[in-house]
Amino acid sequence: MPRQKRRYVPKTKGCYECSQRRIHCDRAQPRCGKCMSRGIPCSGLGVRYRFRDGATKGKIVWQQEKSPHCGARSDDLPQRQVLPFLS
């Protein structure tokens, strides 16, 4: 019997502070109750992006393209930006 595909249901997540402390967030807005009771600023419930493996936050790697001419200066070569977390 073939397996049935499950529909993807995104998890509801709390604020960043509750996630870091590994406690249940009540998701109240504009500040959750846990953050309010501790007197700490609450980051809210917006979307957070995660970096893929091998990527570092905010780091951009510059690479020079290979020149078809052996005698070309490196200043004349075009440079490109490589973002490892998008590749």
N, C-alpha and C. Protein backbone atom coordinates (compact mmCIF):
# COMPACT_ATOMS: atom_id res chain seq x y z
N MET A 1 0.84 -1.17 0.00
CA MET A 1 0.00 0.00 0.00
C MET A 1 0.90 1.25 0.00
N PRO A 2 0.66 2.18 -0.93
CA PRO A 2 1.50 3.38 -0.98
C PRO A 2 1.24 4.28 0.22
N ARG A 3 2.31 4.93 0.63
CA ARG A 3 2.21 5.84 1.77
C ARG A 3 1.49 7.11 1.35
N GLN A 4 0.69 7.63 2.24
CA GLN A 4 0.01 8.88 1.96
C GLN A 4 0.94 10.04 2.30
N LYS A 5 0.91 11.04 1.44
CA LYS A 5 1.71 12.22 1.70
C LYS A 5 1.02 13.07 2.74
N ARG A 6 1.80 13.52 3.69
CA ARG A 6 1.25 14.41 4.71
C ARG A 6 1.35 15.85 4.24
N ARG A 7 0.33 16.59 4.51
CA ARG A 7 0.35 18.00 4.18
C ARG A 7 1.28 18.72 5.15
N TYR A 8 2.10 19.61 4.62
CA TYR A 8 3.04 20.35 5.45
C TYR A 8 2.30 21.40 6.26
N VAL A 9 2.46 21.34 7.54
CA VAL A 9 1.87 22.34 8.43
C VAL A 9 3.01 22.98 9.20
N PRO A 10 3.26 24.28 8.98
CA PRO A 10 4.36 24.92 9.69
C PRO A 10 4.10 24.97 11.19
N LYS A 11 5.17 24.78 11.95
CA LYS A 11 5.07 24.85 13.41
C LYS A 11 4.86 26.29 13.83
N THR A 12 4.06 26.46 14.84
CA THR A 12 3.94 27.80 15.41
C THR A 12 5.07 27.95 16.42
N LYS A 13 5.77 29.04 16.31
CA LYS A 13 6.90 29.26 17.19
C LYS A 13 6.67 30.52 18.00
N GLY A 14 7.26 30.54 19.13
CA GLY A 14 7.15 31.71 19.99
C GLY A 14 8.22 32.72 19.65
N CYS A 15 8.41 33.64 20.55
CA CYS A 15 9.43 34.67 20.34
C CYS A 15 10.83 34.05 20.49
N TYR A 16 11.82 34.80 20.06
CA TYR A 16 13.20 34.32 20.09
C TYR A 16 13.67 34.06 21.52
N GLU A 17 13.29 34.93 22.44
CA GLU A 17 13.74 34.79 23.83
C GLU A 17 13.21 33.50 24.45
N CYS A 18 11.93 33.19 24.23
CA CYS A 18 11.38 31.94 24.77
C CYS A 18 12.00 30.73 24.08
N SER A 19 12.29 30.84 22.79
CA SER A 19 12.94 29.74 22.07
C SER A 19 14.33 29.48 22.64
N GLN A 20 15.07 30.55 22.92
CA GLN A 20 16.41 30.40 23.47
C GLN A 20 16.36 29.78 24.87
N ARG A 21 15.36 30.13 25.65
CA ARG A 21 15.24 29.59 27.01
C ARG A 21 14.54 28.24 27.02
N ARG A 22 14.04 27.81 25.85
CA ARG A 22 13.35 26.53 25.69
C ARG A 22 12.14 26.41 26.61
N ILE A 23 11.33 27.45 26.58
CA ILE A 23 10.10 27.45 27.36
C ILE A 23 8.94 27.76 26.41
N HIS A 24 7.74 27.43 26.83
CA HIS A 24 6.56 27.67 26.02
C HIS A 24 6.23 29.16 25.99
N CYS A 25 6.01 29.69 24.81
CA CYS A 25 5.67 31.11 24.64
C CYS A 25 4.16 31.21 24.47
N ASP A 26 3.55 32.20 25.12
CA ASP A 26 2.10 32.35 24.98
C ASP A 26 1.72 33.16 23.74
N ARG A 27 2.70 33.66 23.02
CA ARG A 27 2.54 34.37 21.74
C ARG A 27 1.65 35.60 21.84
N ALA A 28 1.60 36.23 23.00
CA ALA A 28 0.83 37.46 23.16
C ALA A 28 1.54 38.59 22.43
N GLN A 29 0.79 39.56 21.98
CA GLN A 29 1.38 40.66 21.25
C GLN A 29 1.04 41.98 21.94
N PRO A 30 1.88 42.97 21.96
CA PRO A 30 3.17 43.08 21.30
C PRO A 30 4.30 42.39 22.06
N ARG A 31 4.10 42.03 23.34
CA ARG A 31 5.11 41.30 24.11
C ARG A 31 4.46 40.08 24.71
N CYS A 32 5.20 38.96 24.69
CA CYS A 32 4.63 37.76 25.30
C CYS A 32 4.65 37.89 26.83
N GLY A 33 3.83 37.12 27.49
CA GLY A 33 3.70 37.20 28.94
C GLY A 33 4.97 36.81 29.67
N LYS A 34 5.73 35.85 29.14
CA LYS A 34 6.97 35.42 29.80
C LYS A 34 8.00 36.54 29.80
N CYS A 35 8.13 37.21 28.66
CA CYS A 35 9.09 38.32 28.58
C CYS A 35 8.63 39.49 29.45
N MET A 36 7.33 39.74 29.45
CA MET A 36 6.81 40.84 30.24
C MET A 36 7.03 40.59 31.73
N SER A 37 6.82 39.34 32.18
CA SER A 37 6.99 39.04 33.61
C SER A 37 8.45 39.11 34.04
N ARG A 38 9.37 38.82 33.11
CA ARG A 38 10.80 38.90 33.43
C ARG A 38 11.36 40.30 33.21
N GLY A 39 10.59 41.15 32.55
CA GLY A 39 11.05 42.52 32.31
C GLY A 39 12.11 42.62 31.23
N ILE A 40 12.09 41.71 30.27
CA ILE A 40 13.06 41.74 29.18
C ILE A 40 12.35 42.11 27.89
N PRO A 41 13.07 42.73 26.94
CA PRO A 41 12.44 43.07 25.66
C PRO A 41 12.09 41.81 24.87
N CYS A 42 10.94 41.82 24.23
CA CYS A 42 10.47 40.68 23.45
C CYS A 42 10.66 40.99 21.97
N SER A 43 11.23 40.04 21.23
CA SER A 43 11.49 40.26 19.81
C SER A 43 10.25 40.15 18.96
N GLY A 44 9.18 39.61 19.49
CA GLY A 44 7.95 39.47 18.72
C GLY A 44 7.88 38.14 18.00
N LEU A 45 6.91 38.03 17.12
CA LEU A 45 6.62 36.75 16.48
C LEU A 45 6.87 36.75 14.99
N GLY A 46 7.69 37.64 14.48
CA GLY A 46 7.93 37.72 13.05
C GLY A 46 8.71 36.52 12.52
N VAL A 47 8.86 36.48 11.21
CA VAL A 47 9.59 35.40 10.55
C VAL A 47 11.08 35.57 10.82
N ARG A 48 11.73 34.48 11.15
CA ARG A 48 13.17 34.50 11.36
C ARG A 48 13.80 33.61 10.29
N TYR A 49 14.89 34.08 9.71
CA TYR A 49 15.58 33.32 8.69
C TYR A 49 16.74 32.57 9.32
N ARG A 50 16.99 31.37 8.80
CA ARG A 50 18.10 30.57 9.30
C ARG A 50 19.11 30.39 8.19
N PHE A 51 20.38 30.39 8.55
CA PHE A 51 21.44 30.18 7.59
C PHE A 51 21.62 28.69 7.36
N ARG A 52 21.94 28.32 6.14
CA ARG A 52 22.20 26.93 5.84
C ARG A 52 23.59 26.56 6.35
N ASP A 53 23.86 25.27 6.44
CA ASP A 53 25.17 24.80 6.91
C ASP A 53 26.28 25.36 6.03
N GLY A 54 27.37 25.72 6.65
CA GLY A 54 28.53 26.22 5.92
C GLY A 54 28.52 27.72 5.72
N ALA A 55 27.45 28.38 6.00
CA ALA A 55 27.37 29.82 5.83
C ALA A 55 27.64 30.51 7.16
N THR A 56 28.24 31.66 7.07
CA THR A 56 28.47 32.45 8.26
C THR A 56 27.66 33.72 8.15
N LYS A 57 27.19 34.21 9.25
CA LYS A 57 26.32 35.38 9.25
C LYS A 57 27.07 36.62 8.79
N GLY A 58 26.54 37.27 7.77
CA GLY A 58 27.06 38.54 7.32
C GLY A 58 28.40 38.49 6.63
N LYS A 59 28.92 37.32 6.34
CA LYS A 59 30.22 37.24 5.71
C LYS A 59 30.06 37.09 4.21
N ILE A 60 30.76 37.91 3.47
CA ILE A 60 30.72 37.87 2.02
C ILE A 60 32.10 37.47 1.53
N VAL A 61 32.14 36.55 0.63
CA VAL A 61 33.40 36.07 0.09
C VAL A 61 33.57 36.65 -1.31
N TRP A 62 34.70 37.27 -1.54
CA TRP A 62 35.00 37.81 -2.86
C TRP A 62 35.96 36.87 -3.56
N GLN A 63 35.63 36.57 -4.81
CA GLN A 63 36.51 35.73 -5.61
C GLN A 63 36.77 36.43 -6.93
N GLN A 64 37.98 36.21 -7.44
CA GLN A 64 38.29 36.76 -8.75
C GLN A 64 38.04 35.69 -9.79
N GLU A 65 37.49 36.12 -10.93
CA GLU A 65 37.27 35.18 -12.01
C GLU A 65 38.59 34.93 -12.71
N LYS A 66 38.73 33.76 -13.30
CA LYS A 66 39.95 33.42 -14.03
C LYS A 66 40.03 34.26 -15.31
N SER A 67 41.20 34.74 -15.59
CA SER A 67 41.40 35.55 -16.77
C SER A 67 41.74 34.68 -17.97
N PRO A 68 41.18 34.97 -19.14
CA PRO A 68 41.56 34.22 -20.33
C PRO A 68 42.96 34.60 -20.80
N HIS A 69 43.45 35.77 -20.38
CA HIS A 69 44.78 36.23 -20.76
C HIS A 69 45.73 36.02 -19.60
N CYS A 70 46.87 35.44 -19.90
CA CYS A 70 47.84 35.16 -18.84
C CYS A 70 48.44 36.44 -18.27
N GLY A 71 48.60 37.46 -19.09
CA GLY A 71 49.28 38.66 -18.64
C GLY A 71 48.34 39.73 -18.09
N ALA A 72 47.10 39.42 -17.86
CA ALA A 72 46.15 40.43 -17.38
C ALA A 72 46.44 40.77 -15.92
N ARG A 73 46.27 42.06 -15.59
CA ARG A 73 46.46 42.48 -14.22
C ARG A 73 45.23 42.12 -13.40
N SER A 74 45.42 41.88 -12.12
CA SER A 74 44.30 41.50 -11.27
C SER A 74 43.33 42.66 -11.06
N ASP A 75 43.83 43.92 -11.20
CA ASP A 75 42.94 45.08 -11.05
C ASP A 75 41.93 45.18 -12.20
N ASP A 76 42.33 44.65 -13.38
CA ASP A 76 41.46 44.73 -14.55
C ASP A 76 40.42 43.61 -14.58
N LEU A 77 40.59 42.62 -13.73
CA LEU A 77 39.69 41.47 -13.75
C LEU A 77 38.36 41.81 -13.06
N PRO A 78 37.27 41.33 -13.62
CA PRO A 78 35.99 41.55 -12.93
C PRO A 78 35.91 40.71 -11.67
N GLN A 79 35.28 41.24 -10.65
CA GLN A 79 35.10 40.50 -9.41
C GLN A 79 33.63 40.19 -9.24
N ARG A 80 33.36 39.11 -8.56
CA ARG A 80 31.97 38.76 -8.30
C ARG A 80 31.80 38.40 -6.84
N GLN A 81 30.60 38.54 -6.40
CA GLN A 81 30.27 38.27 -5.01
C GLN A 81 29.67 36.87 -4.93
N VAL A 82 30.21 36.05 -4.03
CA VAL A 82 29.72 34.69 -3.86
C VAL A 82 29.08 34.60 -2.48
N LEU A 83 27.83 34.23 -2.45
CA LEU A 83 27.11 34.07 -1.20
C LEU A 83 26.90 32.59 -0.97
N PRO A 84 27.67 31.98 -0.06
CA PRO A 84 27.62 30.52 0.09
C PRO A 84 26.27 30.00 0.56
N PHE A 85 25.49 30.78 1.28
CA PHE A 85 24.22 30.28 1.77
C PHE A 85 23.13 30.31 0.72
N LEU A 86 23.40 30.89 -0.45
CA LEU A 86 22.42 30.90 -1.53
C LEU A 86 22.74 29.87 -2.60
N SER A 87 23.92 29.28 -2.55
CA SER A 87 24.31 28.34 -3.59
C SER A 87 23.87 26.94 -3.29
